[in-house]
C-alpha atoms as a PDB file:
ATOM      1  CA  MET A   1      -4.292   7.229 -12.042  1.00  0.00           C
ATOM      2  CA  THR A   2      -3.753   4.258  -9.830  1.00  0.00           C
ATOM      3  CA  ILE A   3      -2.429   4.392  -6.514  1.00  0.00           C
ATOM      4  CA  TYR A   4      -0.418   2.072  -5.514  1.00  0.00           C
ATOM      5  CA  GLY A   5      -1.184   1.708  -1.388  1.00  0.00           C
ATOM      6  CA  ASN A   6      -1.645  -0.250   2.103  1.00  0.00           C
ATOM      7  CA  SER A   7      -4.967   0.703   3.685  1.00  0.00           C
ATOM      8  CA  VAL A   8      -3.196   0.348   7.158  1.00  0.00           C
ATOM      9  CA  SER A   9      -0.358   3.328   5.673  1.00  0.00           C
ATOM     10  CA  GLY A  10      -0.915   6.940   7.338  1.00  0.00           C
ATOM     11  CA  ASN A  11       1.867   8.002   4.739  1.00  0.00           C
ATOM     12  CA  CYS A  12      -1.016   6.154   1.964  1.00  0.00           C
ATOM     13  CA  HIS A  13      -3.458   8.080   3.737  1.00  0.00           C
ATOM     14  CA  LYS A  14      -2.311  11.500   3.154  1.00  0.00           C
ATOM     15  CA  VAL A  15      -2.583  10.763  -0.362  1.00  0.00           C
ATOM     16  CA  ALA A  16      -5.978   9.406  -0.338  1.00  0.00           C
ATOM     17  CA  PHE A  17      -7.035  12.646   2.013  1.00  0.00           C
ATOM     18  CA  VAL A  18      -5.499  14.923  -0.877  1.00  0.00           C
ATOM     19  CA  CYS A  19      -6.990  13.038  -3.721  1.00  0.00           C
ATOM     20  CA  ASP A  20     -10.710  12.943  -1.479  1.00  0.00           C
ATOM     21  CA  ARG A  21     -10.487  16.810  -0.828  1.00  0.00           C
ATOM     22  CA  LEU A  22      -9.654  18.489  -4.437  1.00  0.00           C
ATOM     23  CA  GLY A  23     -11.787  15.495  -6.190  1.00  0.00           C
ATOM     24  CA  ILE A  24      -9.221  13.881  -7.603  1.00  0.00           C
ATOM     25  CA  PRO A  25     -10.314  11.113  -9.421  1.00  0.00           C
ATOM     26  CA  ASN A  26      -8.188   7.516  -8.988  1.00  0.00           C
ATOM     27  CA  ARG A  27      -7.883   3.676  -8.758  1.00  0.00           C
ATOM     28  CA  TRP A  28      -6.558   3.031  -4.883  1.00  0.00           C
ATOM     29  CA  LEU A  29      -3.944  -1.058  -5.980  1.00  0.00           C
ATOM     30  CA  GLU A  30      -3.736  -2.398  -2.220  1.00  0.00           C
ATOM     31  CA  VAL A  31      -0.622  -3.795  -1.869  1.00  0.00           C
ATOM     32  CA  ASP A  32       0.396  -5.813   0.759  1.00  0.00           C
ATOM     33  CA  PHE A  33       3.866  -5.079   2.016  1.00  0.00           C
ATOM     34  CA  LEU A  34       3.166  -7.873   5.214  1.00  0.00           C
ATOM     35  CA  LYS A  35       3.001 -10.656   2.245  1.00  0.00           C
ATOM     36  CA  GLY A  36       5.831  -8.830   0.050  1.00  0.00           C
ATOM     37  CA  GLU A  37       4.326  -7.375  -2.252  1.00  0.00           C
ATOM     38  CA  THR A  38       6.481  -4.659  -2.510  1.00  0.00           C
ATOM     39  CA  ARG A  39       9.836  -6.278  -3.098  1.00  0.00           C
ATOM     40  CA  THR A  40       8.001  -8.387  -5.992  1.00  0.00           C
ATOM     41  CA  PRO A  41      10.757  -7.641  -9.130  1.00  0.00           C
ATOM     42  CA  GLU A  42       7.560  -6.059 -11.095  1.00  0.00           C
ATOM     43  CA  PHE A  43       6.733  -3.548  -7.636  1.00  0.00           C
ATOM     44  CA  LEU A  44      10.496  -2.887  -7.310  1.00  0.00           C
ATOM     45  CA  ALA A  45      10.352  -1.910 -12.132  1.00  0.00           C
ATOM     46  CA  MET A  46       7.885   1.009 -10.356  1.00  0.00           C
ATOM     47  CA  ASN A  47       9.827   1.970  -7.646  1.00  0.00           C
ATOM     48  CA  PRO A  48      13.197   1.081  -6.865  1.00  0.00           C
ATOM     49  CA  ALA A  49      12.563   1.897  -2.949  1.00  0.00           C
ATOM     50  CA  GLY A  50       9.951  -0.594  -2.361  1.00  0.00           C
ATOM     51  CA  GLN A  51       7.090   1.662  -0.858  1.00  0.00           C
ATOM     52  CA  VAL A  52       4.101   2.695  -1.073  1.00  0.00           C
ATOM     53  CA  PRO A  53       2.659   4.774  -1.380  1.00  0.00           C
ATOM     54  CA  PHE A  54       3.750   6.156  -5.725  1.00  0.00           C
ATOM     55  CA  ILE A  55       1.322   6.510  -7.535  1.00  0.00           C
ATOM     56  CA  ARG A  56       0.967   6.270 -12.170  1.00  0.00           C
ATOM     57  CA  PHE A  57       0.127   8.368 -14.242  1.00  0.00           C
ATOM     58  CA  GLU A  58      -2.059   7.006 -17.379  1.00  0.00           C
ATOM     59  CA  ASP A  59       1.213   8.523 -19.274  1.00  0.00           C
ATOM     60  CA  GLY A  60       3.503   6.176 -17.789  1.00  0.00           C
ATOM     61  CA  ARG A  61       5.080   8.701 -15.604  1.00  0.00           C
ATOM     62  CA  LEU A  62       5.976   6.922 -11.760  1.00  0.00           C
ATOM     63  CA  LEU A  63       6.228   9.647  -8.211  1.00  0.00           C
ATOM     64  CA  ALA A  64       6.842   8.185  -5.138  1.00  0.00           C
ATOM     65  CA  GLN A  65       7.038   9.440  -1.400  1.00  0.00           C
ATOM     66  CA  SER A  66       3.912  10.924   0.373  1.00  0.00           C
ATOM     67  CA  ASN A  67       4.845  14.235   0.286  1.00  0.00           C
ATOM     68  CA  ALA A  68       5.828  15.208  -2.320  1.00  0.00           C
ATOM     69  CA  ILE A  69       2.597  13.074  -3.842  1.00  0.00           C
ATOM     70  CA  MET A  70       0.878  15.666  -2.259  1.00  0.00           C
ATOM     71  CA  LEU A  71       2.280  18.053  -3.075  1.00  0.00           C
ATOM     72  CA  TYR A  72       2.437  17.485  -6.766  1.00  0.00           C
ATOM     73  CA  LEU A  73      -1.275  16.951  -6.672  1.00  0.00           C
ATOM     74  CA  ALA A  74      -2.280  20.094  -4.692  1.00  0.00           C
ATOM     75  CA  GLU A  75      -0.544  22.380  -6.924  1.00  0.00           C
ATOM     76  CA  GLY A  76      -2.581  25.629  -7.373  1.00  0.00           C
ATOM     77  CA  SER A  77      -5.300  24.246  -4.928  1.00  0.00           C
ATOM     78  CA  ASP A  78      -6.421  26.046  -1.257  1.00  0.00           C
ATOM     79  CA  LEU A  79      -4.187  23.277   0.185  1.00  0.00           C
ATOM     80  CA  ILE A  80      -0.871  24.944  -0.458  1.00  0.00           C
ATOM     81  CA  PRO A  81      -0.590  28.446   0.791  1.00  0.00           C
ATOM     82  CA  ALA A  82      -0.723  31.197  -1.384  1.00  0.00           C
ATOM     83  CA  ASP A  83       1.357  33.420   0.821  1.00  0.00           C
ATOM     84  CA  ALA A  84       5.066  31.904  -0.081  1.00  0.00           C
ATOM     85  CA  PHE A  85       6.189  32.656   3.760  1.00  0.00           C
ATOM     86  CA  GLU A  86       3.033  30.494   4.347  1.00  0.00           C
ATOM     87  CA  ARG A  87       4.229  28.047   1.617  1.00  0.00           C
ATOM     88  CA  ALA A  88       7.963  27.806   3.628  1.00  0.00           C
ATOM     89  CA  LEU A  89       5.867  27.039   7.094  1.00  0.00           C
ATOM     90  CA  MET A  90       4.241  24.493   5.511  1.00  0.00           C
ATOM     91  CA  ASN A  91       6.978  22.679   4.164  1.00  0.00           C
ATOM     92  CA  GLN A  92       8.622  23.257   7.176  1.00  0.00           C
ATOM     93  CA  TRP A  93       5.743  20.801   8.655  1.00  0.00           C
ATOM     94  CA  LEU A  94       6.603  17.981   6.372  1.00  0.00           C
ATOM     95  CA  PHE A  95      10.064  18.216   7.009  1.00  0.00           C
ATOM     96  CA  TRP A  96       9.289  17.655  10.169  1.00  0.00           C
ATOM     97  CA  GLU A  97       6.491  15.519  10.400  1.00  0.00           C
ATOM     98  CA  GLN A  98       8.895  12.911   8.222  1.00  0.00           C
ATOM     99  CA  TYR A  99      11.844  13.195  10.519  1.00  0.00           C
ATOM    100  CA  SER A 100      10.566  13.784  14.160  1.00  0.00           C
ATOM    101  CA  HIS A 101       6.684  12.540  13.893  1.00  0.00           C
ATOM    102  CA  GLU A 102       6.743   9.535  11.820  1.00  0.00           C
ATOM    103  CA  THR A 103       9.931   8.233  12.888  1.00  0.00           C
ATOM    104  CA  ALA A 104       7.898   7.714  16.223  1.00  0.00           C
ATOM    105  CA  ILE A 105       4.871   6.906  16.080  1.00  0.00           C
ATOM    106  CA  ALA A 106       4.779   4.934  12.385  1.00  0.00           C
ATOM    107  CA  VAL A 107       6.914   3.357  13.420  1.00  0.00           C
ATOM    108  CA  ARG A 108       5.685   2.622  17.620  1.00  0.00           C
ATOM    109  CA  ARG A 109       1.974   1.470  15.474  1.00  0.00           C
ATOM    110  CA  PHE A 110       3.414  -0.349  13.290  1.00  0.00           C
ATOM    111  CA  HIS A 111       5.474  -2.046  15.906  1.00  0.00           C
ATOM    112  CA  ALA A 112       2.029  -2.736  18.217  1.00  0.00           C
ATOM    113  CA  PHE A 113      -0.519  -2.538  16.370  1.00  0.00           C
ATOM    114  CA  VAL A 114       0.210  -4.118  12.812  1.00  0.00           C
ATOM    115  CA  LEU A 115       2.780  -6.481  14.283  1.00  0.00           C
ATOM    116  CA  LYS A 116       1.292  -6.913  17.214  1.00  0.00           C
ATOM    117  CA  LYS A 117       4.244  -6.947  19.558  1.00  0.00           C
ATOM    118  CA  PRO A 118       4.494  -6.236  23.565  1.00  0.00           C
ATOM    119  CA  ASP A 119       5.563  -3.525  24.536  1.00  0.00           C
ATOM    120  CA  SER A 120       8.308  -5.236  26.251  1.00  0.00           C
ATOM    121  CA  ASP A 121       9.805  -5.567  22.687  1.00  0.00           C
ATOM    122  CA  ILE A 122       9.363  -2.194  20.923  1.00  0.00           C
ATOM    123  CA  ASP A 123      12.283   0.027  21.793  1.00  0.00           C
ATOM    124  CA  PRO A 124      11.214   2.374  24.178  1.00  0.00           C
ATOM    125  CA  ALA A 125      12.584   5.187  23.202  1.00  0.00           C
ATOM    126  CA  LEU A 126      10.271   4.932  20.474  1.00  0.00           C
ATOM    127  CA  MET A 127       7.669   5.945  23.220  1.00  0.00           C
ATOM    128  CA  GLU A 128       9.857   8.492  24.072  1.00  0.00           C
ATOM    129  CA  LYS A 129      10.283  10.209  20.551  1.00  0.00           C
ATOM    130  CA  GLY A 130       6.879  10.518  20.389  1.00  0.00           C
ATOM    131  CA  ASN A 131       5.293  11.159  23.144  1.00  0.00           C
ATOM    132  CA  ARG A 132       7.992  15.107  22.232  1.00  0.00           C
ATOM    133  CA  ALA A 133       6.801  16.063  19.041  1.00  0.00           C
ATOM    134  CA  LEU A 134       2.975  15.389  19.930  1.00  0.00           C
ATOM    135  CA  GLY A 135       3.884  18.215  22.455  1.00  0.00           C
ATOM    136  CA  VAL A 136       5.248  19.816  19.622  1.00  0.00           C
ATOM    137  CA  MET A 137       2.482  19.265  17.993  1.00  0.00           C
ATOM    138  CA  GLU A 138       0.277  20.444  21.466  1.00  0.00           C
ATOM    139  CA  GLY A 139       2.595  23.294  22.331  1.00  0.00           C
ATOM    140  CA  HIS A 140       1.782  25.288  18.196  1.00  0.00           C
ATOM    141  CA  LEU A 141      -1.841  24.384  18.331  1.00  0.00           C
ATOM    142  CA  ALA A 142      -2.471  26.140  22.301  1.00  0.00           C
ATOM    143  CA  THR A 143      -2.637  29.149  19.727  1.00  0.00           C
ATOM    144  CA  ARG A 144      -4.012  28.289  16.588  1.00  0.00           C
ATOM    145  CA  ARG A 145      -6.668  26.377  15.028  1.00  0.00           C
ATOM    146  CA  TYR A 146      -3.638  24.512  12.041  1.00  0.00           C
ATOM    147  CA  PHE A 147      -0.445  24.510  11.520  1.00  0.00           C
ATOM    148  CA  VAL A 148      -0.080  27.081   8.817  1.00  0.00           C
ATOM    149  CA  GLY A 149      -2.129  29.637   8.560  1.00  0.00           C
ATOM    150  CA  GLU A 150      -6.041  30.386   9.245  1.00  0.00           C
ATOM    151  CA  LYS A 151      -7.142  26.847   7.336  1.00  0.00           C
ATOM    152  CA  LEU A 152      -6.479  23.605   6.648  1.00  0.00           C
ATOM    153  CA  SER A 153      -3.179  22.565   4.071  1.00  0.00           C
ATOM    154  CA  LEU A 154      -0.945  19.641   3.939  1.00  0.00           C
ATOM    155  CA  ALA A 155       0.544  20.883   6.466  1.00  0.00           C
ATOM    156  CA  ASP A 156      -2.570  19.527   8.493  1.00  0.00           C
ATOM    157  CA  LEU A 157      -3.453  16.468   6.402  1.00  0.00           C
ATOM    158  CA  ALA A 158       0.601  14.852   6.389  1.00  0.00           C
ATOM    159  CA  LEU A 159       0.454  14.752  10.288  1.00  0.00           C
ATOM    160  CA  VAL A 160      -2.986  13.644  10.573  1.00  0.00           C
ATOM    161  CA  ALA A 161      -2.314  10.952   8.741  1.00  0.00           C
ATOM    162  CA  TYR A 162      -0.848   9.269  12.216  1.00  0.00           C
ATOM    163  CA  THR A 163      -1.656  11.454  14.611  1.00  0.00           C
ATOM    164  CA  ARG A 164      -6.361  10.669  14.389  1.00  0.00           C
ATOM    165  CA  PHE A 165      -4.564   6.449  15.311  1.00  0.00           C
ATOM    166  CA  ALA A 166      -1.593   7.287  18.168  1.00  0.00           C
ATOM    167  CA  HIS A 167      -3.597   4.715  20.610  1.00  0.00           C
ATOM    168  CA  GLU A 168      -2.403   2.625  18.075  1.00  0.00           C
ATOM    169  CA  ALA A 169       0.826   4.206  18.860  1.00  0.00           C
ATOM    170  CA  GLY A 170       0.030   3.418  22.611  1.00  0.00           C
ATOM    171  CA  PHE A 171      -0.138   7.250  22.469  1.00  0.00           C
ATOM    172  CA  ASP A 172      -2.568   8.715  24.770  1.00  0.00           C
ATOM    173  CA  LEU A 173      -4.523  12.691  23.117  1.00  0.00           C
ATOM    174  CA  ALA A 174      -5.933  12.575  26.382  1.00  0.00           C
ATOM    175  CA  THR A 175      -2.784  14.812  27.477  1.00  0.00           C
ATOM    176  CA  PHE A 176      -2.192  16.142  24.642  1.00  0.00           C
ATOM    177  CA  PRO A 177      -5.394  18.233  24.086  1.00  0.00           C
ATOM    178  CA  HIS A 178      -5.212  21.094  21.755  1.00  0.00           C
ATOM    179  CA  VAL A 179      -4.281  17.903  19.453  1.00  0.00           C
ATOM    180  CA  ARG A 180      -7.438  15.997  19.785  1.00  0.00           C
ATOM    181  CA  ASP A 181      -9.434  18.610  19.669  1.00  0.00           C
ATOM    182  CA  TRP A 182      -7.507  19.779  16.242  1.00  0.00           C
ATOM    183  CA  VAL A 183      -7.565  15.350  15.670  1.00  0.00           C
ATOM    184  CA  LYS A 184     -11.480  17.132  15.523  1.00  0.00           C
ATOM    185  CA  ARG A 185     -11.436  19.395  13.642  1.00  0.00           C
ATOM    186  CA  VAL A 186      -8.963  18.422  11.025  1.00  0.00           C
ATOM    187  CA  GLU A 187     -11.649  15.309  10.802  1.00  0.00           C
ATOM    188  CA  ASP A 188     -15.016  16.829  10.016  1.00  0.00           C
ATOM    189  CA  ASP A 189     -12.968  19.522   7.315  1.00  0.00           C
ATOM    190  CA  LEU A 190     -11.830  15.598   5.490  1.00  0.00           C
ATOM    191  CA  ASN A 191     -15.555  14.243   6.835  1.00  0.00           C
ATOM    192  CA  LEU A 192     -13.706  11.337   7.992  1.00  0.00           C
ATOM    193  CA  THR A 193     -14.904   8.825  10.821  1.00  0.00           C
ATOM    194  CA  SER A 194     -11.981   7.178  13.641  1.00  0.00           C
END
């Protein structure tokens, strides 16, 4: 299996987290979207959306979108709760991550950290939206160690991917101590370093 990804992308990290945690062999192919490598005719023939991550299996099948990839790779593992309601809760957080979290924290990080734009050139609504998302996480984590159930799930992997780099977007996790502690816990579970 080949992962087409970019090392700066939290969405790509999510796929790597699952592979590393479950011991899934893979080959990482670094794709530089800043150099237009996701817009070449060859790339678009494989993934018309022109995004990373996506994976190519040995048999030629392709799969895109980080959360869809994670769900497929983790099928049958302990990263997906066995209980139907807990699975639904995990999916709830996966959808929320892509709609309410990633669209603020990842986007602001891209502008601030990757493109090196000054704050004055970044939409100020992104900071408000990101802090609101972190506030939702803070409230949820005030009474639990993980997002669903009593152990690590795909919800944690999805949400930690950009949260662990929120400081690169200008967010201060010191004001969200439950989130900060959860990030450290998940990083330890995954044997990551910040």
